[in-house]
Amino acid sequence: MSRTSVSPPTADSAAASGASTDSALTHGLKQRHLSMIALGGVIGAGLFVGSGAGIAAAGPSIIVAYMLSGLLVMLVMRMLGEMSAANPASGSFSVHAERAIGPWAGFTAGWSFWFLLCVAVGLEGIGAAQIVSGWLPGTPEWAWVALFMVIFLGTNLAAVKNFGEFEFWFAALKIIAITLFLVLGLLAILGVLPDTDAPGLANLTDDGGFLPKGMDGFIIGLLASVFAYGGLETVTIAAAESENPVQGVAKAVRTAMWRIAVFYIGSMAVIVTLVPWDNPKVAEVGPFYAMLDHLGVGSAAQIMNVVILIALLSAMNANIYGASRMARSLVARGQGPAVLGRISSGVPRNAVLFSSVFGFLCVLLSYWRPDDVFPWLLNMIGAVILVVWIFIAVSQLILRRRTEREAPEKLVVRMWLFPVLTVVALAGMAGIFLLMLRQPDTRDQLLATGALTLVLIGIGLVRQRRKGNAEASDGSDGSDGSDGSDGSGASIPAQRK
């Protein structure tokens, strides 16, 4: 099977792939939008709330857990940044997987990520609705979810710059909040706040020491930390609609290291230094609330509710955007129903609507089938991000060699110590899979995600085989009438039998 390059997009080829011929995705995101999306993308409810379970399990060693998982995420983002800067595409890693491995890989990576984002939209909507219903007792949660859906459906159906503006201000608020937390925490650690004494290293060494629950607790904390980093991939999807995709991706990836170090590892270090790891409030209401409460900050619960609500709404907005662009990209490459590929005024509105409706359906299932179908959905998305990371690493391993031969000038971002660190990252992902198998809770997630992945691989292979047979029977050159574009100006080599 050889690979050949294809020509630039044409109206006929766009129509053949299900895209609208009236326009393509626009470049309405400014550099300030992209920079803030990159910054805010790492700050979510997983950090503000989910990290509490990791601290309760691992104790002070959660700092090391976040460092190790953070290093893995840095490697993944560097690999993704290298490929996205060389070939910006709204389909991001799905496009890269198709170019490197084959259509079945792009199909699997793309639709599994779309599924993850849509279910996440529902979860975030439920979380946000619970907070607002707590403020306004008696109001139905489903109605608040519906309202949030309508609002973000509107922002995503309009021009992409509207999405960018919403995310810009959401991200700005999150960054201000976490910066204030970190500054307040550091001042308390130094003992310069009124009525506070410097804690020293007591909370890191007392109550069982740095590893209070041994390696088993550390492993639970490590697994919790890995999945807290989800959301970083959205910036490479958004970059394809920015004013300067190559520069935008390069800048976002190059600053990933300090973002992760400051926001995640820094937060964990400050919290476990100030607050005893076994404080029940850490796991029950979240480590940031526990820290504010420990410092005697009045209305700590309400402050955290506002911050978490902002984080959840920001994630809803970003995930609807990411899901719609991934669906559009897949359709433009002949990997989905053509109706989802239609673009109006630079926006894939059918894909936005379909992704939002699927997300709201997940919300309804949480009420209709809370004991069987909904938990099954949650398990299915449990390890999807690891599957995506594996596709990213394998794709980079293949495409780096090809780009060095064919267009070395495109390597404006380079993976460090290639191929050694790419292989190290793959080994790390394999290790996480093995650790998930050891834990009963994560084992179910891994098996459910594995089943979803195998089903998508099977569908992708069948589609690829049928497509190849059809091309062979009609004597076509294997291009299927598609230009290999995902609607953002990126092209992928066609397969030739």
Protein backbone atom coordinates (compact mmCIF):
# COMPACT_ATOMS: atom_id res chain seq x y z
CA MET A 1 0.00 0.00 0.00
CA SER A 2 1.63 3.22 -1.12
CA ARG A 3 0.68 6.79 -0.33
CA THR A 4 0.31 9.64 -2.74
CA SER A 5 -0.24 13.34 -2.17
CA VAL A 6 -3.43 14.97 -3.28
CA SER A 7 -4.36 18.28 -4.76
CA PRO A 8 -5.79 21.30 -2.90
CA PRO A 9 -9.50 21.34 -2.04
CA THR A 10 -12.04 21.86 -4.78
CA ALA A 11 -15.77 22.46 -4.68
CA ASP A 12 -16.47 19.10 -6.27
CA SER A 13 -14.34 17.20 -3.82
CA ALA A 14 -15.85 19.07 -0.90
CA ALA A 15 -19.30 18.15 -2.07
CA ALA A 16 -18.28 14.53 -2.53
CA SER A 17 -17.17 14.38 1.08
CA GLY A 18 -20.40 15.82 2.34
CA ALA A 19 -19.14 19.34 2.87
CA SER A 20 -21.00 22.41 1.88
CA THR A 21 -19.58 24.23 -1.09
CA ASP A 22 -20.67 27.69 0.05
CA SER A 23 -17.85 28.14 2.54
CA ALA A 24 -15.27 26.42 4.69
CA LEU A 25 -14.25 26.75 8.30
CA THR A 26 -13.12 30.30 8.97
CA HIS A 27 -10.04 31.60 10.76
CA GLY A 28 -11.93 33.74 13.25
CA LEU A 29 -9.92 32.92 16.38
CA LYS A 30 -7.31 35.50 17.29
CA GLN A 31 -4.01 34.72 18.95
CA ARG A 32 -5.33 36.03 22.27
CA HIS A 33 -8.25 33.56 22.03
CA LEU A 34 -5.94 30.66 21.32
CA SER A 35 -3.50 31.60 24.07
CA MET A 36 -6.27 31.83 26.65
CA ILE A 37 -7.89 28.59 25.46
CA ALA A 38 -4.51 26.92 25.91
CA LEU A 39 -4.13 28.39 29.40
CA GLY A 40 -7.69 27.76 30.53
CA GLY A 41 -7.86 24.30 28.98
CA VAL A 42 -5.73 22.85 31.77
CA ILE A 43 -7.92 24.27 34.55
CA GLY A 44 -11.12 22.30 34.96
CA ALA A 45 -13.43 20.79 37.55
CA GLY A 46 -11.12 17.76 37.59
CA LEU A 47 -8.48 19.93 39.23
CA PHE A 48 -10.78 21.80 41.61
CA VAL A 49 -12.79 18.77 42.78
CA GLY A 50 -11.49 15.50 41.33
CA SER A 51 -8.00 15.94 42.75
CA GLY A 52 -9.44 15.50 46.25
CA ALA A 53 -9.84 11.75 45.76
CA GLY A 54 -6.24 11.50 44.60
CA ILE A 55 -4.97 13.35 47.70
CA ALA A 56 -7.10 11.18 50.00
CA ALA A 57 -5.59 8.05 48.42
CA ALA A 58 -1.96 9.06 47.92
CA GLY A 59 -1.43 11.63 50.66
CA PRO A 60 1.52 14.02 50.11
CA SER A 61 2.89 11.70 47.41
CA ILE A 62 0.17 13.11 45.15
CA ILE A 63 2.80 15.73 44.25
CA VAL A 64 4.98 13.03 42.69
CA ALA A 65 1.92 11.44 41.04
CA TYR A 66 1.05 14.72 39.33
CA MET A 67 4.67 15.21 38.34
CA LEU A 68 4.85 11.80 36.63
CA SER A 69 1.50 12.12 34.87
CA GLY A 70 2.37 15.72 34.00
CA LEU A 71 5.59 14.59 32.32
CA LEU A 72 3.62 12.08 30.25
CA VAL A 73 1.12 14.76 29.21
CA MET A 74 3.96 17.11 28.27
CA LEU A 75 5.38 14.45 25.97
CA VAL A 76 1.97 13.79 24.40
CA MET A 77 1.37 17.50 23.83
CA ARG A 78 4.83 17.93 22.33
CA MET A 79 4.15 15.08 19.88
CA LEU A 80 0.73 16.46 19.02
CA GLY A 81 2.17 19.95 18.66
CA GLU A 82 4.82 18.72 16.24
CA MET A 83 2.22 17.12 13.97
CA SER A 84 -0.33 19.93 14.30
CA ALA A 85 2.21 22.66 13.52
CA ALA A 86 3.34 20.72 10.44
CA ASN A 87 -0.25 20.04 9.29
CA PRO A 88 -2.88 22.13 11.13
CA ALA A 89 -6.32 20.48 10.95
CA SER A 90 -9.54 20.79 12.89
CA GLY A 91 -9.50 16.99 13.14
CA SER A 92 -6.13 17.19 14.93
CA PHE A 93 -4.91 13.74 16.01
CA SER A 94 -7.64 11.97 14.01
CA VAL A 95 -6.23 13.46 10.80
CA HIS A 96 -2.69 12.60 11.86
CA ALA A 97 -3.69 9.00 12.66
CA GLU A 98 -5.31 8.65 9.24
CA ARG A 99 -2.23 9.99 7.50
CA ALA A 100 0.14 7.80 9.49
CA ILE A 101 -1.72 4.53 10.06
CA GLY A 102 -4.76 4.47 7.81
CA PRO A 103 -8.44 5.49 7.60
CA TRP A 104 -9.50 2.98 10.27
CA ALA A 105 -7.19 4.65 12.80
CA GLY A 106 -8.52 8.14 12.03
CA PHE A 107 -12.06 6.80 12.31
CA THR A 108 -11.41 5.14 15.67
CA ALA A 109 -9.49 8.02 17.24
CA GLY A 110 -11.95 10.63 15.98
CA TRP A 111 -15.26 9.03 16.90
CA SER A 112 -14.03 7.78 20.29
CA PHE A 113 -12.94 11.32 21.15
CA TRP A 114 -16.24 12.73 19.87
CA PHE A 115 -18.08 10.26 22.11
CA LEU A 116 -15.93 11.27 25.09
CA LEU A 117 -16.60 14.98 24.56
CA CYS A 118 -20.36 14.56 24.15
CA VAL A 119 -20.73 12.47 27.32
CA ALA A 120 -18.50 14.98 29.13
CA VAL A 121 -20.82 17.81 28.01
CA GLY A 122 -23.67 15.99 29.75
CA LEU A 123 -21.67 15.40 32.93
CA GLU A 124 -20.56 19.01 33.09
CA GLY A 125 -24.11 20.20 32.54
CA ILE A 126 -25.32 18.01 35.42
CA GLY A 127 -22.60 19.34 37.71
CA ALA A 128 -23.34 22.95 36.84
CA ALA A 129 -27.08 22.42 37.30
CA GLN A 130 -26.55 20.91 40.76
CA ILE A 131 -24.69 24.03 41.87
CA VAL A 132 -27.37 26.42 40.56
CA SER A 133 -30.18 24.28 41.98
CA GLY A 134 -28.44 24.50 45.35
CA TRP A 135 -28.65 28.28 45.12
CA LEU A 136 -32.28 28.16 43.95
CA PRO A 137 -33.92 25.22 45.75
CA GLY A 138 -36.93 23.72 44.06
CA THR A 139 -35.78 24.43 40.50
CA PRO A 140 -35.36 21.27 38.38
CA GLU A 141 -31.78 20.38 37.47
CA TRP A 142 -32.72 19.20 33.98
CA ALA A 143 -34.12 22.66 33.19
CA TRP A 144 -30.81 24.30 34.10
CA VAL A 145 -28.93 21.83 31.92
CA ALA A 146 -31.29 22.62 29.06
CA LEU A 147 -30.70 26.35 29.57
CA PHE A 148 -26.91 25.92 29.55
CA MET A 149 -27.19 23.78 26.42
CA VAL A 150 -29.24 26.44 24.63
CA ILE A 151 -26.76 29.17 25.58
CA PHE A 152 -23.71 27.27 24.38
CA LEU A 153 -25.53 25.93 21.37
CA GLY A 154 -26.07 29.57 20.43
CA THR A 155 -22.43 30.54 20.95
CA ASN A 156 -21.24 27.61 18.86
CA LEU A 157 -23.82 28.05 16.09
CA ALA A 158 -22.69 31.64 15.61
CA ALA A 159 -19.31 32.66 14.25
CA VAL A 160 -16.31 30.91 15.79
CA LYS A 161 -15.10 34.21 17.23
CA ASN A 162 -18.10 34.09 19.62
CA PHE A 163 -16.89 30.77 20.97
CA GLY A 164 -13.43 32.30 21.27
CA GLU A 165 -14.73 35.28 23.24
CA PHE A 166 -16.68 33.10 25.66
CA GLU A 167 -13.66 30.86 26.26
CA PHE A 168 -11.36 33.87 26.56
CA TRP A 169 -13.33 35.31 29.49
CA PHE A 170 -14.08 31.94 31.07
CA ALA A 171 -10.39 31.06 30.96
CA ALA A 172 -9.41 34.49 32.28
CA LEU A 173 -11.68 34.04 35.30
CA LYS A 174 -10.31 30.56 36.00
CA ILE A 175 -6.71 31.75 35.73
CA ILE A 176 -7.37 34.68 38.06
CA ALA A 177 -9.04 32.36 40.58
CA ILE A 178 -6.31 29.73 40.67
CA THR A 179 -3.58 32.40 40.73
CA LEU A 180 -5.20 33.98 43.78
CA PHE A 181 -5.41 30.56 45.45
CA LEU A 182 -1.74 29.89 44.79
CA VAL A 183 -0.61 33.32 46.00
CA LEU A 184 -2.74 33.01 49.14
CA GLY A 185 -1.39 29.51 49.76
CA LEU A 186 2.24 30.54 49.31
CA LEU A 187 1.79 33.47 51.70
CA ALA A 188 0.30 31.09 54.26
CA ILE A 189 3.18 28.62 53.82
CA LEU A 190 5.64 31.46 54.44
CA GLY A 191 3.65 32.49 57.53
CA VAL A 192 3.10 36.09 56.42
CA LEU A 193 -0.70 36.00 56.51
CA PRO A 194 -2.35 37.44 59.64
CA ASP A 195 -3.16 34.82 62.30
CA THR A 196 -1.34 32.03 60.45
CA ASP A 197 1.85 30.16 61.28
CA ALA A 198 4.19 28.65 58.73
CA PRO A 199 3.36 24.90 58.65
CA GLY A 200 6.86 23.83 57.65
CA LEU A 201 7.04 20.21 56.46
CA ALA A 202 4.78 18.76 59.15
CA ASN A 203 1.88 17.94 56.80
CA LEU A 204 4.27 16.26 54.36
CA THR A 205 5.98 14.00 56.90
CA ASP A 206 3.47 13.39 59.75
CA ASP A 207 0.37 11.17 59.76
CA GLY A 208 1.98 8.24 57.97
CA GLY A 209 4.72 10.11 56.16
CA PHE A 210 5.00 10.98 52.49
CA LEU A 211 3.49 7.63 51.41
CA PRO A 212 0.83 7.09 54.10
CA LYS A 213 -1.02 4.36 52.19
CA GLY A 214 1.97 2.78 50.50
CA MET A 215 2.32 2.11 46.80
CA ASP A 216 -1.30 1.04 46.40
CA GLY A 217 -2.48 4.48 47.50
CA PHE A 218 0.12 6.14 45.29
CA ILE A 219 -1.08 4.15 42.25
CA ILE A 220 -4.69 5.24 42.88
CA GLY A 221 -3.51 8.85 43.09
CA LEU A 222 -1.44 8.45 39.93
CA LEU A 223 -4.41 7.12 37.95
CA ALA A 224 -6.60 9.97 39.25
CA SER A 225 -3.98 12.52 38.20
CA VAL A 226 -3.63 11.15 34.67
CA PHE A 227 -7.27 11.73 33.81
CA ALA A 228 -7.31 15.19 35.39
CA TYR A 229 -5.28 16.53 32.45
CA GLY A 230 -8.01 16.00 29.86
CA GLY A 231 -8.82 19.08 27.78
CA LEU A 232 -5.38 20.02 26.54
CA GLU A 233 -6.09 18.54 23.11
CA THR A 234 -8.76 21.13 22.29
CA VAL A 235 -6.18 23.82 21.60
CA THR A 236 -4.82 21.89 18.57
CA ILE A 237 -8.38 21.58 17.23
CA ALA A 238 -9.02 25.29 17.72
CA ALA A 239 -5.67 26.25 16.18
CA ALA A 240 -6.91 25.26 12.71
CA GLU A 241 -9.42 28.15 12.90
CA SER A 242 -6.96 30.72 14.19
CA GLU A 243 -5.31 33.55 12.29
CA ASN A 244 -1.94 31.79 12.26
CA PRO A 245 -2.40 28.04 12.96
CA VAL A 246 1.29 27.10 12.87
CA GLN A 247 2.42 29.90 15.15
CA GLY A 248 -0.56 29.37 17.47
CA VAL A 249 0.09 25.65 17.97
CA ALA A 250 3.81 26.17 18.42
CA LYS A 251 3.29 28.82 21.09
CA ALA A 252 0.67 26.80 22.96
CA VAL A 253 2.79 23.66 23.06
CA ARG A 254 5.97 25.46 24.07
CA THR A 255 4.24 26.92 27.12
CA ALA A 256 2.60 23.62 28.15
CA MET A 257 5.41 22.78 30.57
CA TRP A 258 5.09 25.80 32.84
CA ARG A 259 1.28 25.71 32.68
CA ILE A 260 1.22 22.14 33.95
CA ALA A 261 3.94 22.80 36.53
CA VAL A 262 2.25 25.90 37.96
CA PHE A 263 -1.43 25.01 37.83
CA TYR A 264 -1.38 21.30 38.64
CA ILE A 265 1.83 20.35 40.40
CA GLY A 266 2.04 23.73 42.14
CA SER A 267 -1.54 23.47 43.36
CA MET A 268 -1.03 19.99 44.80
CA ALA A 269 2.20 21.06 46.53
CA VAL A 270 0.56 24.09 48.14
CA ILE A 271 -2.55 22.20 49.27
CA VAL A 272 -0.85 19.18 50.90
CA THR A 273 1.71 21.46 52.56
CA LEU A 274 -1.04 23.56 54.15
CA VAL A 275 -3.81 21.03 54.81
CA PRO A 276 -3.42 17.58 56.41
CA TRP A 277 -4.00 15.05 53.66
CA ASP A 278 -6.48 13.11 55.81
CA ASN A 279 -8.70 16.12 56.42
CA PRO A 280 -12.16 14.70 55.48
CA LYS A 281 -13.10 17.91 53.67
CA VAL A 282 -10.36 17.30 51.08
CA ALA A 283 -12.23 14.35 49.59
CA GLU A 284 -15.78 15.37 50.49
CA VAL A 285 -15.93 18.95 49.17
CA GLY A 286 -12.62 19.40 47.36
CA PRO A 287 -9.04 20.36 48.26
CA PHE A 288 -9.36 24.02 47.30
CA TYR A 289 -12.36 24.46 49.56
CA ALA A 290 -10.47 22.63 52.32
CA MET A 291 -7.55 25.04 51.92
CA LEU A 292 -9.74 28.16 52.07
CA ASP A 293 -11.61 26.77 55.06
CA HIS A 294 -8.31 25.92 56.78
CA LEU A 295 -7.16 29.52 56.30
CA GLY A 296 -10.42 30.85 57.73
CA VAL A 297 -11.65 32.44 54.53
CA GLY A 298 -15.33 33.30 54.97
CA SER A 299 -17.88 31.92 52.50
CA ALA A 300 -15.29 29.43 51.22
CA ALA A 301 -18.00 27.07 49.97
CA GLN A 302 -19.74 29.73 47.90
CA ILE A 303 -16.46 31.01 46.48
CA MET A 304 -15.57 27.51 45.34
CA ASN A 305 -19.06 26.91 43.93
CA VAL A 306 -18.70 29.99 41.73
CA VAL A 307 -15.24 28.93 40.54
CA ILE A 308 -16.35 25.35 39.84
CA LEU A 309 -19.46 26.59 38.01
CA ILE A 310 -17.27 28.73 35.76
CA ALA A 311 -14.96 25.77 35.12
CA LEU A 312 -17.89 23.50 34.25
CA LEU A 313 -19.54 26.00 31.92
CA SER A 314 -16.21 26.67 30.21
CA ALA A 315 -15.72 22.94 29.69
CA MET A 316 -19.24 22.56 28.26
CA ASN A 317 -18.60 25.33 25.75
CA ALA A 318 -15.19 23.96 24.74
CA ASN A 319 -16.39 20.37 24.46
CA ILE A 320 -19.35 21.23 22.23
CA TYR A 321 -16.90 23.11 20.02
CA GLY A 322 -14.36 20.29 19.98
CA ALA A 323 -16.97 17.59 19.31
CA SER A 324 -18.53 19.52 16.42
CA ARG A 325 -15.15 20.17 14.77
CA MET A 326 -14.09 16.56 15.15
CA ALA A 327 -17.37 15.36 13.64
CA ARG A 328 -17.02 17.83 10.76
CA SER A 329 -13.47 16.70 10.10
CA LEU A 330 -14.45 13.03 10.06
CA VAL A 331 -17.31 13.69 7.63
CA ALA A 332 -15.07 15.75 5.34
CA ARG A 333 -12.83 12.67 5.09
CA GLY A 334 -15.72 10.35 4.30
CA GLN A 335 -15.86 8.91 7.82
CA GLY A 336 -19.42 9.84 8.80
CA PRO A 337 -22.90 10.91 7.66
CA ALA A 338 -22.65 13.65 5.04
CA VAL A 339 -25.33 15.81 6.63
CA LEU A 340 -23.01 16.61 9.54
CA GLY A 341 -20.45 18.11 7.19
CA ARG A 342 -22.51 21.01 5.93
CA ILE A 343 -21.01 24.40 6.75
CA SER A 344 -22.96 27.64 7.01
CA SER A 345 -21.19 30.97 7.54
CA GLY A 346 -18.02 29.13 8.42
CA VAL A 347 -19.67 26.98 11.13
CA PRO A 348 -20.56 23.24 10.93
CA ARG A 349 -23.99 23.89 12.40
CA ASN A 350 -25.42 20.40 11.92
CA ALA A 351 -22.43 18.92 13.72
CA VAL A 352 -22.84 21.45 16.56
CA LEU A 353 -26.54 20.61 16.88
CA PHE A 354 -25.99 16.84 16.71
CA SER A 355 -23.20 16.92 19.32
CA SER A 356 -25.29 19.06 21.68
CA VAL A 357 -28.36 16.85 21.34
CA PHE A 358 -26.28 13.73 22.04
CA GLY A 359 -24.84 15.42 25.14
CA PHE A 360 -28.32 16.31 26.40
CA LEU A 361 -29.46 12.73 25.75
CA CYS A 362 -26.72 11.60 28.14
CA VAL A 363 -28.21 13.96 30.74
CA LEU A 364 -31.67 12.45 30.27
CA LEU A 365 -30.21 8.95 30.62
CA SER A 366 -28.82 9.97 34.01
CA TYR A 367 -32.45 10.45 35.09
CA TRP A 368 -34.11 7.67 33.08
CA ARG A 369 -31.52 4.90 33.52
CA PRO A 370 -29.25 5.93 36.42
CA ASP A 371 -28.42 2.37 37.48
CA ASP A 372 -27.49 0.67 34.22
CA VAL A 373 -27.17 2.67 30.98
CA PHE A 374 -25.67 5.84 32.46
CA PRO A 375 -22.92 4.07 34.47
CA TRP A 376 -22.19 2.03 31.34
CA LEU A 377 -21.65 5.26 29.39
CA LEU A 378 -19.34 6.59 32.09
CA ASN A 379 -17.25 3.42 32.04
CA MET A 380 -16.98 3.54 28.27
CA ILE A 381 -15.31 6.96 28.33
CA GLY A 382 -13.11 6.08 31.32
CA ALA A 383 -9.92 5.37 29.36
CA VAL A 384 -10.68 6.95 25.98
CA ILE A 385 -8.09 9.66 26.48
CA LEU A 386 -5.38 6.99 26.86
CA VAL A 387 -6.49 5.40 23.58
CA VAL A 388 -6.22 8.80 21.91
CA TRP A 389 -2.75 9.35 23.38
CA ILE A 390 -1.58 6.02 21.98
CA PHE A 391 -2.77 6.99 18.50
CA ILE A 392 -0.94 10.31 18.90
CA ALA A 393 2.34 8.63 19.87
CA VAL A 394 2.23 5.99 17.13
CA SER A 395 1.27 8.61 14.52
CA GLN A 396 4.13 10.88 15.54
CA LEU A 397 6.57 7.99 15.40
CA ILE A 398 5.58 7.40 11.77
CA LEU A 399 4.98 10.96 10.55
CA ARG A 400 8.20 12.39 11.97
CA ARG A 401 10.28 10.15 9.69
CA ARG A 402 8.08 10.97 6.70
CA THR A 403 8.16 14.73 7.33
CA GLU A 404 11.95 14.70 7.72
CA ARG A 405 12.20 13.09 4.26
CA GLU A 406 9.53 15.07 2.42
CA ALA A 407 9.19 18.50 4.09
CA PRO A 408 11.67 19.06 6.94
CA GLU A 409 10.91 22.79 6.92
CA LYS A 410 7.49 21.98 8.45
CA LEU A 411 9.07 20.76 11.67
CA VAL A 412 8.79 24.07 13.49
CA VAL A 413 8.04 22.13 16.68
CA ARG A 414 10.16 19.05 17.30
CA MET A 415 9.65 16.21 19.75
CA TRP A 416 12.49 16.11 22.26
CA LEU A 417 15.07 13.30 21.87
CA PHE A 418 13.10 11.60 19.11
CA PRO A 419 12.43 8.65 18.99
CA VAL A 420 13.53 7.82 22.54
CA LEU A 421 10.97 9.92 24.41
CA THR A 422 8.17 8.84 22.08
CA VAL A 423 8.90 5.22 22.97
CA VAL A 424 9.16 6.15 26.65
CA ALA A 425 5.73 7.78 26.44
CA LEU A 426 4.23 4.67 24.83
CA ALA A 427 5.76 2.54 27.57
CA GLY A 428 4.26 4.88 30.16
CA MET A 429 0.80 4.50 28.61
CA ALA A 430 1.16 0.72 28.59
CA GLY A 431 2.13 0.90 32.25
CA ILE A 432 -1.00 2.92 33.06
CA PHE A 433 -3.14 0.30 31.34
CA LEU A 434 -1.54 -2.41 33.51
CA LEU A 435 -2.11 -0.35 36.65
CA MET A 436 -5.77 0.13 35.68
CA LEU A 437 -6.17 -3.63 35.42
CA ARG A 438 -4.95 -3.98 39.03
CA GLN A 439 -7.65 -1.70 40.46
CA PRO A 440 -11.27 -2.97 40.53
CA ASP A 441 -12.80 0.46 39.83
CA THR A 442 -10.56 1.32 36.89
CA ARG A 443 -10.59 -2.24 35.55
CA ASP A 444 -14.27 -1.93 34.62
CA GLN A 445 -13.55 1.39 32.88
CA LEU A 446 -10.66 -0.10 30.94
CA LEU A 447 -12.70 -3.09 29.79
CA ALA A 448 -15.65 -0.92 28.72
CA THR A 449 -13.38 1.50 26.85
CA GLY A 450 -11.61 -1.46 25.27
CA ALA A 451 -14.92 -2.82 24.02
CA LEU A 452 -15.86 0.57 22.52
CA THR A 453 -12.44 0.86 20.86
CA LEU A 454 -12.63 -2.63 19.36
CA VAL A 455 -16.10 -1.94 17.96
CA LEU A 456 -14.89 1.29 16.34
CA ILE A 457 -11.77 -0.43 14.96
CA GLY A 458 -13.97 -3.16 13.47
CA ILE A 459 -16.31 -0.63 11.85
CA GLY A 460 -13.36 1.38 10.58
CA LEU A 461 -11.67 -1.66 9.03
CA VAL A 462 -14.90 -2.79 7.34
CA ARG A 463 -15.44 0.70 5.91
CA GLN A 464 -11.86 0.85 4.72
CA ARG A 465 -12.09 -2.56 3.05
CA ARG A 466 -15.39 -1.75 1.34
CA LYS A 467 -14.03 1.55 0.15
CA GLY A 468 -10.94 -0.15 -1.24
CA ASN A 469 -13.03 -2.79 -3.04
CA ALA A 470 -15.29 -0.11 -4.53
CA GLU A 471 -12.28 1.83 -5.79
CA ALA A 472 -10.75 -1.30 -7.30
CA SER A 473 -13.99 -2.25 -9.08
CA ASP A 474 -14.51 1.17 -10.67
CA GLY A 475 -10.85 1.64 -11.54
CA SER A 476 -10.46 4.83 -9.48
CA ASP A 477 -7.13 6.02 -8.17
CA GLY A 478 -8.07 5.60 -4.53
CA SER A 479 -8.89 9.21 -3.86
CA ASP A 480 -12.66 8.51 -3.54
CA GLY A 481 -13.42 11.97 -4.80
CA SER A 482 -12.24 13.49 -1.58
CA ASP A 483 -9.36 15.89 -1.43
CA GLY A 484 -8.15 14.60 1.90
CA SER A 485 -9.10 17.88 3.54
CA ASP A 486 -10.94 18.03 6.82
CA GLY A 487 -12.43 21.41 6.02
CA SER A 488 -9.68 23.46 7.62
CA GLY A 489 -7.25 23.56 4.76
CA ALA A 490 -5.21 20.53 5.84
CA SER A 491 -4.72 17.66 3.45
CA ILE A 492 -4.00 14.02 4.05
CA PRO A 493 -2.46 11.54 1.62
CA ALA A 494 -4.91 9.21 -0.04
CA GLN A 495 -4.55 5.45 0.23
CA ARG A 496 -3.64 3.54 -2.93
CA LYS A 497 -4.13 -0.19 -3.14
